[in-house]
């Protein structure tokens, strides 16, 4: 799973959100590294909807503008959990390798 997709799913994990909120939360979750463009976000939401990972969660008009909300489906939550576990396992493996490297350097010093 690509990082922007992961961030969109993660942003929806705690409740429904509209597009601008998703863009802002993806930036926050990534410490500003990922800046989703509007077109990219809505293409991802369409794709995630087709995969059954997100679904529409209503519309509302705010200050004369339509806000469309999205929410994570149960299947989406499961997929997010699987991806988070995969990333955590990869990070743990990388940390173990770094510890081995450090230990080897100390042993040869």
Protein backbone atom coordinates (compact mmCIF):
# COMPACT_ATOMS: atom_id res chain seq x y z
CA UNK A 1 0.00 0.00 0.00
CA UNK A 2 1.33 3.43 -0.91
CA UNK A 3 1.84 5.95 1.87
CA UNK A 4 -0.88 8.42 0.74
CA UNK A 5 -3.45 5.60 0.73
CA UNK A 6 -2.32 4.49 4.17
CA UNK A 7 -2.63 8.05 5.46
CA UNK A 8 -6.14 8.50 4.04
CA UNK A 9 -7.27 5.28 5.72
CA UNK A 10 -5.54 6.27 8.97
CA UNK A 11 -7.19 9.70 8.88
CA UNK A 12 -10.59 8.02 8.62
CA UNK A 13 -9.90 5.56 11.45
CA UNK A 14 -11.34 7.84 14.13
CA UNK A 15 -14.44 8.93 12.25
CA UNK A 16 -15.90 10.43 9.11
CA UNK A 17 -14.19 13.36 7.44
CA UNK A 18 -14.58 15.57 4.40
CA UNK A 19 -11.91 16.07 1.73
CA UNK A 20 -10.17 19.13 3.15
CA UNK A 21 -9.97 17.52 6.59
CA UNK A 22 -8.42 14.41 5.01
CA UNK A 23 -5.79 16.50 3.24
CA UNK A 24 -4.96 18.33 6.48
CA UNK A 25 -4.83 15.16 8.56
CA UNK A 26 -2.63 13.32 6.04
CA UNK A 27 -0.18 16.21 6.27
CA UNK A 28 -0.32 16.13 10.07
CA UNK A 29 0.10 12.35 10.30
CA UNK A 30 3.14 12.51 8.01
CA UNK A 31 4.71 15.52 9.76
CA UNK A 32 4.17 17.50 6.56
CA UNK A 33 5.96 15.05 4.24
CA UNK A 34 2.77 14.14 2.36
CA UNK A 35 0.79 17.01 0.87
CA UNK A 36 -2.16 15.46 -0.94
CA UNK A 37 -3.50 17.32 -3.95
CA UNK A 38 -7.28 17.51 -4.33
CA UNK A 39 -7.30 15.46 -7.54
CA UNK A 40 -5.07 12.80 -6.02
CA UNK A 41 -7.26 12.56 -2.92
CA UNK A 42 -10.52 12.14 -4.81
CA UNK A 43 -8.99 9.61 -7.21
CA UNK A 44 -7.79 7.65 -4.17
CA UNK A 45 -11.19 7.89 -2.50
CA UNK A 46 -12.89 6.62 -5.66
CA UNK A 47 -10.46 3.69 -5.86
CA UNK A 48 -10.80 2.93 -2.14
CA UNK A 49 -14.57 3.06 -2.51
CA UNK A 50 -14.45 0.56 -5.39
CA UNK A 51 -12.33 -1.71 -3.17
CA UNK A 52 -14.88 -1.44 -0.35
CA UNK A 53 -12.43 0.22 2.03
CA UNK A 54 -14.23 3.57 2.34
CA UNK A 55 -17.75 4.75 1.67
CA UNK A 56 -19.68 7.96 1.50
CA UNK A 57 -20.95 9.20 4.85
CA UNK A 58 -23.23 12.05 3.88
CA UNK A 59 -23.05 15.57 2.54
CA UNK A 60 -23.56 18.92 4.20
CA UNK A 61 -23.49 22.51 3.02
CA UNK A 62 -21.12 24.75 4.96
CA UNK A 63 -20.82 28.43 4.05
CA UNK A 64 -22.56 27.73 0.75
CA UNK A 65 -20.17 24.93 -0.21
CA UNK A 66 -20.94 21.24 -0.35
CA UNK A 67 -18.83 19.01 1.86
CA UNK A 68 -18.88 15.31 1.06
CA UNK A 69 -17.94 13.06 3.96
CA UNK A 70 -16.28 9.66 3.87
CA UNK A 71 -15.86 6.91 6.43
CA UNK A 72 -13.79 3.79 6.83
CA UNK A 73 -15.64 0.52 6.31
CA UNK A 74 -15.03 -2.53 8.49
CA UNK A 75 -13.06 -4.05 5.60
CA UNK A 76 -11.06 -0.82 5.38
CA UNK A 77 -10.30 -0.92 9.11
CA UNK A 78 -9.08 -4.51 8.78
CA UNK A 79 -6.89 -3.61 5.79
CA UNK A 80 -5.48 -0.60 7.69
CA UNK A 81 -4.70 -2.82 10.69
CA UNK A 82 -2.93 -5.35 8.45
CA UNK A 83 -0.87 -2.62 6.80
CA UNK A 84 0.02 -1.01 10.15
CA UNK A 85 1.19 -4.43 11.43
CA UNK A 86 3.25 -4.99 8.27
CA UNK A 87 4.91 -1.58 8.60
CA UNK A 88 5.60 -2.15 12.30
CA UNK A 89 7.20 -5.54 11.56
CA UNK A 90 9.38 -3.98 8.85
CA UNK A 91 10.43 -1.20 11.22
CA UNK A 92 11.25 -3.73 13.96
CA UNK A 93 13.38 -5.73 11.52
CA UNK A 94 15.24 -2.60 10.43
CA UNK A 95 15.87 -1.61 14.06
CA UNK A 96 17.19 -5.09 14.84
CA UNK A 97 19.59 -4.85 11.89
CA UNK A 98 20.77 -1.44 13.09
CA UNK A 99 21.36 -2.84 16.60
CA UNK A 100 23.39 -5.70 15.08
CA UNK A 101 25.41 -3.20 13.09
CA UNK A 102 26.11 -1.12 16.18
CA UNK A 103 27.05 -4.21 18.19
CA UNK A 104 29.41 -5.38 15.43
CA UNK A 105 31.10 -1.97 15.29
CA UNK A 106 31.59 -1.98 19.08
CA UNK A 107 33.00 -5.52 18.99
CA UNK A 108 35.58 -4.59 16.34
CA UNK A 109 36.61 -1.34 18.00
